[in-house]
Every structure is written in structure tokens, then in C-alpha cells.
Protein backbone atom coordinates (compact mmCIF):
# COMPACT_ATOMS: atom_id res chain seq x y z
CA MET A 1 17.11 19.97 -8.85
CA THR A 2 16.12 19.71 -5.20
CA PHE A 3 18.43 19.02 -2.27
CA GLN A 4 17.00 15.50 -1.96
CA GLU A 5 17.53 14.79 -5.67
CA ILE A 6 21.14 15.95 -5.46
CA ILE A 7 22.05 13.82 -2.43
CA GLN A 8 20.28 10.77 -3.90
CA GLY A 9 22.51 10.84 -7.00
CA GLU A 10 25.27 8.42 -7.95
CA THR A 11 28.05 10.90 -7.13
CA PRO A 12 28.80 11.30 -3.41
CA VAL A 13 27.84 14.78 -2.15
CA LEU A 14 29.69 16.62 0.61
CA VAL A 15 27.28 19.12 2.15
CA ASP A 16 28.87 22.09 3.91
CA PHE A 17 26.39 23.53 6.40
CA PHE A 18 27.74 27.04 7.00
CA ALA A 19 26.80 30.59 8.01
CA THR A 20 28.08 33.83 6.49
CA TRP A 21 29.01 35.19 9.95
CA CYS A 22 31.01 32.07 10.92
CA GLN A 23 34.79 32.59 10.94
CA PRO A 24 35.74 28.86 10.84
CA CYS A 25 33.38 28.54 7.84
CA LYS A 26 35.37 31.23 6.04
CA VAL A 27 38.61 29.40 6.87
CA LEU A 28 37.16 26.14 5.54
CA ALA A 29 35.91 27.60 2.21
CA PRO A 30 39.28 27.55 0.33
CA THR A 31 39.91 24.01 1.62
CA LEU A 32 36.61 22.87 0.12
CA GLU A 33 37.48 24.58 -3.17
CA GLN A 34 40.76 22.62 -3.27
CA LEU A 35 38.90 19.43 -2.44
CA ALA A 36 36.40 20.09 -5.24
CA SER A 37 39.13 20.62 -7.82
CA ARG A 38 41.09 17.53 -6.69
CA HIS A 39 38.03 15.27 -6.81
CA GLU A 40 35.90 16.98 -9.46
CA ASN A 41 34.85 13.69 -11.10
CA THR A 42 34.10 11.75 -7.92
CA LEU A 43 32.68 14.28 -5.47
CA ARG A 44 30.11 17.04 -5.54
CA ILE A 45 30.20 19.79 -2.92
CA LEU A 46 27.05 21.60 -1.91
CA LYS A 47 26.99 24.61 0.41
CA VAL A 48 23.91 25.15 2.59
CA ASP A 49 23.54 28.42 4.50
CA VAL A 50 21.88 27.43 7.79
CA ASP A 51 20.36 30.90 8.21
CA LYS A 52 18.62 30.68 4.82
CA ASN A 53 17.78 26.96 5.11
CA PRO A 54 16.95 26.28 8.77
CA ALA A 55 14.70 23.34 7.84
CA ALA A 56 17.58 21.44 6.19
CA ALA A 57 19.88 22.20 9.12
CA GLY A 58 17.21 21.05 11.56
CA HIS A 59 16.43 17.90 9.62
CA TYR A 60 20.10 16.81 9.80
CA GLN A 61 20.46 18.01 13.41
CA VAL A 62 23.15 20.54 12.57
CA SER A 63 23.71 22.48 15.78
CA GLY A 64 27.08 24.05 14.99
CA VAL A 65 28.76 25.41 11.90
CA PRO A 66 30.65 24.45 9.92
CA THR A 67 29.28 20.91 9.75
CA LEU A 68 30.23 18.65 6.85
CA ILE A 69 28.06 15.66 5.97
CA LEU A 70 28.93 13.24 3.17
CA PHE A 71 25.94 11.65 1.46
CA LYS A 72 26.15 8.56 -0.69
CA GLN A 73 22.94 7.76 -2.55
CA GLY A 74 20.95 9.69 0.04
CA LYS A 75 22.57 8.18 3.14
CA ALA A 76 24.82 10.17 5.47
CA VAL A 77 28.05 8.12 5.63
CA TRP A 78 30.39 10.64 7.30
CA ARG A 79 29.92 13.72 9.43
CA GLN A 80 32.26 16.25 11.01
CA SER A 81 31.74 19.54 12.81
CA GLY A 82 34.41 22.21 12.76
CA ALA A 83 37.06 23.17 10.24
CA LEU A 84 39.60 20.50 9.35
CA PRO A 85 42.71 20.69 7.18
CA LEU A 86 42.47 19.33 3.64
CA HIS A 87 44.47 16.15 4.33
CA ALA A 88 42.18 15.20 7.23
CA ILE A 89 39.02 15.70 5.18
CA GLU A 90 40.49 13.77 2.25
CA GLN A 91 41.61 10.92 4.49
CA ALA A 92 38.05 10.56 5.79
CA LEU A 93 36.34 10.92 2.41
CA VAL A 94 38.51 8.91 0.01
CA PRO A 95 37.25 5.49 1.19
CA HIS A 96 33.73 6.64 0.24
CA LEU A 97 34.64 7.92 -3.22
CA ALA A 98 34.58 5.70 -6.28
CA GLU A 99 37.59 6.72 -8.33
């Protein structure tokens, strides 16, 4: 499945644009794991390494990492740069998730 096919799907997809050298990205990783387990039926999380996928990062104008973008049927409906606590991410995402 390609990136485009994944983000076009029925399930909302939270894309984590990250880099292996990025400390805030490392801090955010366990938060995203918690988010995935709490919303496993309503949210898909996809990690994109900006160093390995510069075209994807460029296409979505990702200039800093971590950057989170929520896609619903291919459209970016929410975007945030920087690491946020779980409750803040959930508060922003829940209105976009179909429970």
C-alpha cells in the first residue's frame, strides 16, 4: 500500500513526520503508542522519517520535526508541530474520529 492509498482510506490517519536524531520525536513516540492503543479501531498512525522520505516531507511543507498531520480521506484536517502531551493531542483529534 502506498502513502497516498493509506491516507485516502476510511480510517483517519495521523502521520508523524519525525527524524531519528530528533529528541522531541523520541519524547513523542510513547505518547503516540498510547494514542494508538486507545484509538486502535478509529485511528491509524503512520510514522514517516523525513530523512528517508524528503519528498513526502517537502510535499506537506514539513519544516520542523516532529510534525503531526491528521488526514481524513486524503485531506489534512489538523496539523501540529512539536511534541504535545497525550491529552492535548486527543483533545484535538477526537472531533475528527468516528467512534
